[in-house]
N, C-alpha and C. Protein backbone atom coordinates (compact mmCIF):
# COMPACT_ATOMS: atom_id res chain seq x y z
N UNK A 1 -35.91 -20.97 226.63
CA UNK A 1 -35.50 -22.26 226.10
C UNK A 1 -34.19 -22.07 225.34
N UNK A 2 -33.20 -22.90 225.67
CA UNK A 2 -31.90 -22.83 225.00
C UNK A 2 -31.59 -24.17 224.36
N UNK A 3 -31.27 -24.12 223.08
CA UNK A 3 -30.88 -25.31 222.34
C UNK A 3 -29.40 -25.19 222.00
N UNK A 4 -28.65 -26.21 222.34
CA UNK A 4 -27.22 -26.25 222.04
C UNK A 4 -27.00 -27.17 220.86
N UNK A 5 -26.34 -26.68 219.83
CA UNK A 5 -25.97 -27.49 218.67
C UNK A 5 -24.45 -27.65 218.72
N UNK A 6 -24.01 -28.91 218.66
CA UNK A 6 -22.58 -29.21 218.77
C UNK A 6 -22.12 -29.92 217.51
N UNK A 7 -20.97 -29.50 217.00
CA UNK A 7 -20.38 -30.16 215.84
C UNK A 7 -18.89 -29.89 215.82
N UNK A 8 -18.20 -30.64 214.98
CA UNK A 8 -16.76 -30.50 214.85
C UNK A 8 -16.37 -30.38 213.40
N UNK A 9 -15.08 -30.57 213.15
CA UNK A 9 -14.52 -30.46 211.80
C UNK A 9 -14.95 -29.11 211.22
N UNK A 10 -15.67 -29.09 210.11
CA UNK A 10 -16.10 -27.82 209.50
C UNK A 10 -17.46 -27.36 209.96
N UNK A 11 -18.13 -28.15 210.78
CA UNK A 11 -19.43 -27.76 211.32
C UNK A 11 -20.57 -27.85 210.32
N UNK A 12 -20.42 -28.63 209.24
CA UNK A 12 -21.46 -28.65 208.21
C UNK A 12 -22.77 -29.27 208.69
N UNK A 13 -22.70 -30.32 209.51
CA UNK A 13 -23.93 -30.91 210.05
C UNK A 13 -24.59 -29.91 210.99
N UNK A 14 -23.81 -29.29 211.85
CA UNK A 14 -24.32 -28.28 212.77
C UNK A 14 -24.95 -27.11 212.03
N UNK A 15 -24.33 -26.70 210.93
CA UNK A 15 -24.88 -25.63 210.10
C UNK A 15 -26.27 -26.00 209.60
N UNK A 16 -26.39 -27.21 209.09
CA UNK A 16 -27.68 -27.66 208.56
C UNK A 16 -28.73 -27.75 209.66
N UNK A 17 -28.32 -28.24 210.83
CA UNK A 17 -29.26 -28.33 211.96
C UNK A 17 -29.75 -26.94 212.34
N UNK A 18 -28.83 -26.00 212.48
CA UNK A 18 -29.21 -24.64 212.90
C UNK A 18 -30.10 -23.98 211.85
N UNK A 19 -29.76 -24.13 210.58
CA UNK A 19 -30.60 -23.55 209.52
C UNK A 19 -32.03 -24.09 209.60
N UNK A 20 -32.16 -25.40 209.79
CA UNK A 20 -33.48 -26.02 209.87
C UNK A 20 -34.21 -25.58 211.14
N UNK A 21 -33.49 -25.48 212.26
CA UNK A 21 -34.12 -25.03 213.49
C UNK A 21 -34.65 -23.61 213.31
N UNK A 22 -33.86 -22.74 212.71
CA UNK A 22 -34.28 -21.35 212.50
C UNK A 22 -35.52 -21.27 211.61
N UNK A 23 -35.61 -22.15 210.63
CA UNK A 23 -36.77 -22.17 209.73
C UNK A 23 -38.04 -22.65 210.44
N UNK A 24 -37.88 -23.47 211.47
CA UNK A 24 -39.03 -24.17 212.05
C UNK A 24 -39.39 -23.78 213.48
N UNK A 25 -38.58 -22.98 214.13
CA UNK A 25 -38.85 -22.63 215.52
C UNK A 25 -39.04 -21.13 215.68
N UNK A 26 -39.76 -20.73 216.73
CA UNK A 26 -39.93 -19.29 216.98
C UNK A 26 -38.59 -18.60 217.25
N UNK A 27 -38.53 -17.33 216.92
CA UNK A 27 -37.30 -16.54 217.11
C UNK A 27 -36.87 -16.46 218.58
N UNK A 28 -37.83 -16.60 219.50
CA UNK A 28 -37.48 -16.48 220.92
C UNK A 28 -36.63 -17.64 221.41
N UNK A 29 -36.55 -18.72 220.66
CA UNK A 29 -35.72 -19.86 221.04
C UNK A 29 -34.26 -19.49 220.80
N UNK A 30 -33.46 -19.61 221.83
CA UNK A 30 -32.03 -19.28 221.72
C UNK A 30 -31.27 -20.52 221.25
N UNK A 31 -30.50 -20.33 220.19
CA UNK A 31 -29.67 -21.41 219.66
C UNK A 31 -28.21 -21.05 219.89
N UNK A 32 -27.52 -21.97 220.56
CA UNK A 32 -26.10 -21.77 220.87
C UNK A 32 -25.30 -22.80 220.09
N UNK A 33 -24.24 -22.36 219.44
CA UNK A 33 -23.37 -23.26 218.68
C UNK A 33 -22.06 -23.46 219.43
N UNK A 34 -21.75 -24.72 219.68
CA UNK A 34 -20.44 -25.05 220.24
C UNK A 34 -19.70 -25.92 219.24
N UNK A 35 -18.56 -25.45 218.81
CA UNK A 35 -17.74 -26.21 217.88
C UNK A 35 -16.53 -26.78 218.58
N UNK A 36 -16.06 -27.91 218.07
CA UNK A 36 -14.82 -28.46 218.62
C UNK A 36 -13.63 -27.62 218.16
N UNK A 37 -13.87 -26.73 217.20
CA UNK A 37 -12.83 -25.81 216.74
C UNK A 37 -13.50 -24.52 216.29
N UNK A 38 -12.71 -23.48 216.07
CA UNK A 38 -13.25 -22.16 215.73
C UNK A 38 -13.94 -22.15 214.37
N UNK A 39 -13.46 -22.94 213.42
CA UNK A 39 -14.08 -22.98 212.09
C UNK A 39 -15.50 -23.54 212.18
N UNK A 40 -15.67 -24.63 212.93
CA UNK A 40 -17.00 -25.22 213.10
C UNK A 40 -17.93 -24.22 213.77
N UNK A 41 -17.46 -23.57 214.82
CA UNK A 41 -18.29 -22.59 215.53
C UNK A 41 -18.67 -21.42 214.62
N UNK A 42 -17.72 -20.93 213.86
CA UNK A 42 -17.97 -19.81 212.95
C UNK A 42 -19.00 -20.17 211.88
N UNK A 43 -18.87 -21.36 211.30
CA UNK A 43 -19.82 -21.79 210.27
C UNK A 43 -21.23 -21.95 210.85
N UNK A 44 -21.32 -22.45 212.08
CA UNK A 44 -22.64 -22.59 212.71
C UNK A 44 -23.23 -21.22 213.05
N UNK A 45 -22.38 -20.27 213.41
CA UNK A 45 -22.87 -18.91 213.68
C UNK A 45 -23.48 -18.31 212.41
N UNK A 46 -22.82 -18.52 211.28
CA UNK A 46 -23.33 -18.00 210.01
C UNK A 46 -24.69 -18.59 209.66
N UNK A 47 -24.98 -19.76 210.18
CA UNK A 47 -26.27 -20.42 209.90
C UNK A 47 -27.41 -19.85 210.74
N UNK A 48 -27.08 -19.01 211.73
CA UNK A 48 -28.16 -18.37 212.50
C UNK A 48 -28.15 -18.59 214.00
N UNK A 49 -27.07 -19.14 214.55
CA UNK A 49 -27.01 -19.30 216.01
C UNK A 49 -26.94 -17.93 216.67
N UNK A 50 -27.51 -17.82 217.86
CA UNK A 50 -27.45 -16.58 218.62
C UNK A 50 -26.07 -16.34 219.20
N UNK A 51 -25.46 -17.41 219.68
CA UNK A 51 -24.13 -17.35 220.29
C UNK A 51 -23.31 -18.52 219.80
N UNK A 52 -22.00 -18.38 219.84
CA UNK A 52 -21.15 -19.49 219.44
C UNK A 52 -19.79 -19.40 220.07
N UNK A 53 -19.19 -20.54 220.29
CA UNK A 53 -17.85 -20.59 220.88
C UNK A 53 -17.24 -21.94 220.56
N UNK A 54 -15.98 -22.08 220.90
CA UNK A 54 -15.30 -23.35 220.72
C UNK A 54 -14.33 -23.54 221.88
N UNK A 55 -13.88 -24.77 222.05
CA UNK A 55 -12.90 -25.07 223.08
C UNK A 55 -13.52 -25.69 224.31
N UNK A 56 -12.67 -26.38 225.03
CA UNK A 56 -13.10 -27.16 226.19
C UNK A 56 -13.75 -26.30 227.27
N UNK A 57 -13.22 -25.14 227.54
CA UNK A 57 -13.80 -24.30 228.59
C UNK A 57 -15.19 -23.80 228.19
N UNK A 58 -15.39 -23.53 226.92
CA UNK A 58 -16.72 -23.11 226.46
C UNK A 58 -17.74 -24.22 226.71
N UNK A 59 -17.34 -25.47 226.51
CA UNK A 59 -18.22 -26.60 226.81
C UNK A 59 -18.52 -26.65 228.30
N UNK A 60 -17.50 -26.50 229.12
CA UNK A 60 -17.68 -26.58 230.58
C UNK A 60 -18.66 -25.52 231.07
N UNK A 61 -18.57 -24.32 230.53
CA UNK A 61 -19.40 -23.21 230.98
C UNK A 61 -20.81 -23.27 230.39
N UNK A 62 -20.94 -23.66 229.14
CA UNK A 62 -22.21 -23.56 228.42
C UNK A 62 -23.14 -24.74 228.63
N UNK A 63 -22.62 -25.95 228.59
CA UNK A 63 -23.46 -27.16 228.60
C UNK A 63 -24.43 -27.23 229.79
N UNK A 64 -24.02 -26.88 231.01
CA UNK A 64 -24.98 -27.01 232.12
C UNK A 64 -26.20 -26.09 232.04
N UNK A 65 -26.14 -25.09 231.16
CA UNK A 65 -27.18 -24.06 231.11
C UNK A 65 -28.16 -24.23 229.95
N UNK A 66 -28.15 -25.39 229.26
CA UNK A 66 -29.04 -25.56 228.10
C UNK A 66 -30.12 -26.59 228.39
N UNK A 67 -31.19 -26.52 227.60
CA UNK A 67 -32.32 -27.42 227.78
C UNK A 67 -32.29 -28.62 226.84
N UNK A 68 -31.73 -28.42 225.64
CA UNK A 68 -31.68 -29.47 224.64
C UNK A 68 -30.31 -29.42 223.97
N UNK A 69 -29.73 -30.60 223.73
CA UNK A 69 -28.45 -30.71 223.02
C UNK A 69 -28.72 -31.48 221.73
N UNK A 70 -28.25 -30.94 220.60
CA UNK A 70 -28.46 -31.57 219.30
C UNK A 70 -27.11 -31.70 218.60
N UNK A 71 -26.90 -32.84 217.96
CA UNK A 71 -25.69 -33.04 217.17
C UNK A 71 -25.55 -34.48 216.76
N UNK A 72 -24.50 -34.79 216.00
CA UNK A 72 -24.26 -36.18 215.65
C UNK A 72 -23.89 -36.97 216.91
N UNK A 73 -24.17 -38.26 216.92
CA UNK A 73 -23.91 -39.08 218.10
C UNK A 73 -22.43 -39.07 218.49
N UNK A 74 -21.58 -38.81 217.54
CA UNK A 74 -20.14 -38.80 217.83
C UNK A 74 -19.74 -37.71 218.83
N UNK A 75 -20.63 -36.76 219.12
CA UNK A 75 -20.29 -35.75 220.13
C UNK A 75 -20.23 -36.37 221.53
N UNK A 76 -20.74 -37.57 221.68
CA UNK A 76 -20.71 -38.25 222.98
C UNK A 76 -19.50 -39.17 223.11
N UNK A 77 -18.69 -39.26 222.07
CA UNK A 77 -17.57 -40.20 222.04
C UNK A 77 -16.25 -39.43 222.20
N UNK A 78 -15.54 -39.68 223.31
CA UNK A 78 -14.25 -39.00 223.51
C UNK A 78 -13.31 -39.23 222.34
N UNK A 79 -12.59 -38.20 221.97
CA UNK A 79 -11.57 -38.23 220.91
C UNK A 79 -12.15 -38.37 219.50
N UNK A 80 -13.46 -38.18 219.35
CA UNK A 80 -14.02 -38.22 218.00
C UNK A 80 -13.61 -36.95 217.25
N UNK A 81 -14.04 -36.84 216.02
CA UNK A 81 -13.64 -35.72 215.14
C UNK A 81 -12.11 -35.64 215.06
N UNK A 82 -11.49 -36.79 214.85
CA UNK A 82 -10.02 -36.89 214.75
C UNK A 82 -9.32 -36.34 215.98
N UNK A 83 -9.95 -36.52 217.12
CA UNK A 83 -9.35 -36.08 218.38
C UNK A 83 -9.74 -34.68 218.82
N UNK A 84 -10.53 -33.97 218.01
CA UNK A 84 -10.93 -32.61 218.37
C UNK A 84 -11.85 -32.57 219.58
N UNK A 85 -12.70 -33.58 219.72
CA UNK A 85 -13.62 -33.62 220.85
C UNK A 85 -12.90 -34.31 222.01
N UNK A 86 -12.51 -33.54 222.98
CA UNK A 86 -11.72 -34.08 224.08
C UNK A 86 -12.59 -34.94 225.00
N UNK A 87 -11.96 -35.81 225.79
CA UNK A 87 -12.73 -36.59 226.76
C UNK A 87 -13.55 -35.69 227.69
N UNK A 88 -13.01 -34.55 228.08
CA UNK A 88 -13.76 -33.65 228.96
C UNK A 88 -15.00 -33.10 228.27
N UNK A 89 -14.89 -32.72 227.00
CA UNK A 89 -16.04 -32.21 226.26
C UNK A 89 -17.14 -33.27 226.21
N UNK A 90 -16.76 -34.51 225.88
CA UNK A 90 -17.74 -35.61 225.83
C UNK A 90 -18.38 -35.83 227.19
N UNK A 91 -17.60 -35.70 228.24
CA UNK A 91 -18.15 -35.89 229.59
C UNK A 91 -19.14 -34.78 229.94
N UNK A 92 -18.81 -33.52 229.63
CA UNK A 92 -19.74 -32.42 229.91
C UNK A 92 -21.07 -32.69 229.21
N UNK A 93 -21.02 -33.13 227.96
CA UNK A 93 -22.24 -33.40 227.19
C UNK A 93 -23.01 -34.58 227.76
N UNK A 94 -22.32 -35.68 228.02
CA UNK A 94 -23.01 -36.89 228.47
C UNK A 94 -23.59 -36.75 229.87
N UNK A 95 -22.96 -35.95 230.71
CA UNK A 95 -23.45 -35.79 232.08
C UNK A 95 -24.55 -34.74 232.19
N UNK A 96 -24.76 -33.99 231.14
CA UNK A 96 -25.78 -32.94 231.16
C UNK A 96 -27.17 -33.53 231.35
N UNK A 97 -27.99 -32.83 232.08
CA UNK A 97 -29.38 -33.23 232.29
C UNK A 97 -30.28 -32.82 231.11
N UNK A 98 -29.72 -32.08 230.16
CA UNK A 98 -30.49 -31.64 228.99
C UNK A 98 -30.92 -32.85 228.17
N UNK A 99 -32.05 -32.71 227.49
CA UNK A 99 -32.47 -33.75 226.56
C UNK A 99 -31.49 -33.75 225.40
N UNK A 100 -31.09 -34.94 224.98
CA UNK A 100 -30.12 -35.08 223.90
C UNK A 100 -30.80 -35.67 222.67
N UNK A 101 -30.67 -34.98 221.56
CA UNK A 101 -31.21 -35.44 220.29
C UNK A 101 -30.01 -35.63 219.38
N UNK A 102 -29.70 -36.90 219.12
CA UNK A 102 -28.46 -37.24 218.43
C UNK A 102 -28.73 -37.91 217.09
N UNK A 103 -28.09 -37.42 216.07
CA UNK A 103 -28.21 -38.01 214.74
C UNK A 103 -27.26 -39.20 214.65
N UNK A 104 -27.74 -40.32 214.09
CA UNK A 104 -26.90 -41.53 214.03
C UNK A 104 -25.86 -41.44 212.92
N UNK A 105 -24.94 -40.50 213.10
CA UNK A 105 -23.87 -40.29 212.12
C UNK A 105 -22.53 -40.40 212.82
N UNK A 106 -21.61 -41.10 212.23
CA UNK A 106 -20.27 -41.20 212.79
C UNK A 106 -19.46 -42.21 212.00
N UNK A 107 -18.20 -41.94 211.92
CA UNK A 107 -17.29 -42.82 211.20
C UNK A 107 -17.12 -44.12 212.00
N UNK A 108 -17.20 -45.23 211.31
CA UNK A 108 -17.02 -46.55 211.93
C UNK A 108 -18.03 -46.79 213.04
N UNK A 109 -19.25 -46.30 212.87
CA UNK A 109 -20.26 -46.39 213.91
C UNK A 109 -21.56 -46.91 213.31
N UNK A 110 -22.04 -48.02 213.82
CA UNK A 110 -23.32 -48.57 213.39
C UNK A 110 -24.20 -48.70 214.63
N UNK A 111 -25.42 -48.22 214.54
CA UNK A 111 -26.34 -48.26 215.66
C UNK A 111 -27.47 -49.23 215.38
N UNK A 112 -27.66 -50.17 216.25
CA UNK A 112 -28.74 -51.14 216.13
C UNK A 112 -30.06 -50.41 216.37
N UNK A 113 -31.07 -50.76 215.59
CA UNK A 113 -32.39 -50.17 215.80
C UNK A 113 -32.60 -48.87 215.04
N UNK A 114 -31.61 -48.45 214.28
CA UNK A 114 -31.79 -47.25 213.47
C UNK A 114 -31.69 -47.65 212.00
N UNK A 115 -32.33 -46.89 211.15
CA UNK A 115 -32.21 -47.15 209.72
C UNK A 115 -31.27 -46.11 209.14
N UNK A 116 -30.66 -46.43 208.05
CA UNK A 116 -29.71 -45.52 207.44
C UNK A 116 -30.47 -44.56 206.52
N UNK A 117 -31.14 -43.61 207.12
CA UNK A 117 -31.90 -42.62 206.36
C UNK A 117 -30.95 -41.59 205.77
N UNK A 118 -31.32 -41.01 204.65
CA UNK A 118 -30.52 -39.91 204.11
C UNK A 118 -30.58 -38.71 205.06
N UNK A 119 -29.57 -37.87 205.00
CA UNK A 119 -29.46 -36.74 205.92
C UNK A 119 -30.71 -35.85 205.94
N UNK A 120 -31.33 -35.52 204.81
CA UNK A 120 -32.55 -34.68 204.89
C UNK A 120 -33.65 -35.31 205.75
N UNK A 121 -33.80 -36.64 205.69
CA UNK A 121 -34.81 -37.31 206.53
C UNK A 121 -34.40 -37.28 208.00
N UNK A 122 -33.11 -37.42 208.27
CA UNK A 122 -32.63 -37.31 209.65
C UNK A 122 -32.90 -35.91 210.20
N UNK A 123 -32.71 -34.90 209.37
CA UNK A 123 -32.98 -33.52 209.78
C UNK A 123 -34.45 -33.33 210.10
N UNK A 124 -35.33 -33.91 209.27
CA UNK A 124 -36.77 -33.81 209.54
C UNK A 124 -37.11 -34.41 210.90
N UNK A 125 -36.56 -35.59 211.18
CA UNK A 125 -36.83 -36.24 212.46
C UNK A 125 -36.24 -35.44 213.62
N UNK A 126 -35.07 -34.85 213.39
CA UNK A 126 -34.44 -34.02 214.42
C UNK A 126 -35.33 -32.83 214.78
N UNK A 127 -35.83 -32.15 213.77
CA UNK A 127 -36.71 -30.99 214.01
C UNK A 127 -37.94 -31.43 214.78
N UNK A 128 -38.53 -32.54 214.39
CA UNK A 128 -39.72 -33.06 215.09
C UNK A 128 -39.42 -33.32 216.57
N UNK A 129 -38.28 -33.95 216.85
CA UNK A 129 -37.92 -34.25 218.23
C UNK A 129 -37.60 -32.99 219.03
N UNK A 130 -36.97 -32.01 218.40
CA UNK A 130 -36.69 -30.74 219.10
C UNK A 130 -38.00 -30.04 219.44
N UNK A 131 -38.93 -30.02 218.49
CA UNK A 131 -40.23 -29.39 218.76
C UNK A 131 -40.93 -30.08 219.93
N UNK A 132 -40.86 -31.41 219.98
CA UNK A 132 -41.46 -32.15 221.10
C UNK A 132 -40.75 -31.79 222.40
N UNK A 133 -39.44 -31.67 222.37
CA UNK A 133 -38.67 -31.35 223.58
C UNK A 133 -39.03 -29.96 224.11
N UNK A 134 -39.17 -28.99 223.22
CA UNK A 134 -39.47 -27.64 223.71
C UNK A 134 -40.92 -27.49 224.13
N UNK A 135 -41.79 -28.38 223.64
CA UNK A 135 -43.19 -28.31 224.06
C UNK A 135 -43.43 -29.15 225.32
N UNK A 136 -42.41 -29.88 225.76
CA UNK A 136 -42.54 -30.67 226.97
C UNK A 136 -43.10 -32.06 226.75
N UNK A 137 -43.36 -32.42 225.50
CA UNK A 137 -43.87 -33.76 225.21
C UNK A 137 -42.72 -34.75 225.25
N UNK A 138 -43.03 -35.95 225.67
CA UNK A 138 -42.04 -37.03 225.70
C UNK A 138 -42.17 -37.85 224.44
N UNK A 139 -41.05 -38.20 223.86
CA UNK A 139 -41.04 -39.05 222.68
C UNK A 139 -41.03 -40.51 223.10
N UNK A 140 -41.90 -41.28 222.51
CA UNK A 140 -41.89 -42.72 222.74
C UNK A 140 -41.43 -43.36 221.43
N UNK A 141 -40.13 -43.43 221.27
CA UNK A 141 -39.53 -43.91 220.02
C UNK A 141 -40.01 -45.31 219.67
N UNK A 142 -40.17 -46.19 220.65
CA UNK A 142 -40.63 -47.55 220.38
C UNK A 142 -42.03 -47.52 219.78
N UNK A 143 -42.93 -46.73 220.37
CA UNK A 143 -44.29 -46.63 219.86
C UNK A 143 -44.29 -46.06 218.45
N UNK A 144 -43.44 -45.05 218.17
CA UNK A 144 -43.37 -44.46 216.84
C UNK A 144 -42.92 -45.49 215.82
N UNK A 145 -41.94 -46.28 216.17
CA UNK A 145 -41.43 -47.30 215.27
C UNK A 145 -42.51 -48.34 214.98
N UNK A 146 -43.23 -48.78 216.02
CA UNK A 146 -44.29 -49.77 215.83
C UNK A 146 -45.40 -49.24 214.94
N UNK A 147 -45.72 -47.94 215.08
CA UNK A 147 -46.76 -47.34 214.24
C UNK A 147 -46.36 -47.32 212.79
N UNK A 148 -45.07 -47.15 212.53
CA UNK A 148 -44.59 -47.04 211.16
C UNK A 148 -44.34 -48.38 210.49
N UNK A 149 -44.43 -49.49 211.24
CA UNK A 149 -44.16 -50.81 210.67
C UNK A 149 -45.39 -51.36 210.00
């Protein structure tokens, strides 16, 4: 099982995701960090990723080989992270058959149907969804929301 964590800028969200994944998942799970720049990739590596890289070619080579992609929703938007995430990088991610677990974070971005939870709560939900993805369970987000109302 390979989990890809993607982030840009300084990689602080990716760092937090990787730290939480390492705390909650078995060591046999491979975590790969892809940064939109070398600083983001380096910071995610320090958090415990098995492998890390940055740049468009790293996205092209790595994305098709992962089972789960985790990161802020802005990783799916071309030219996000002040232009660091190229249209090609966004396309590699969006076209991937991997399950995508995206945090509703992004500048000038509001998502209908989501609540503005603090980052620690978003991380908790992210870990829960990753665990479901690696166990093969399907998430029924609508049913979960109805149960919590």
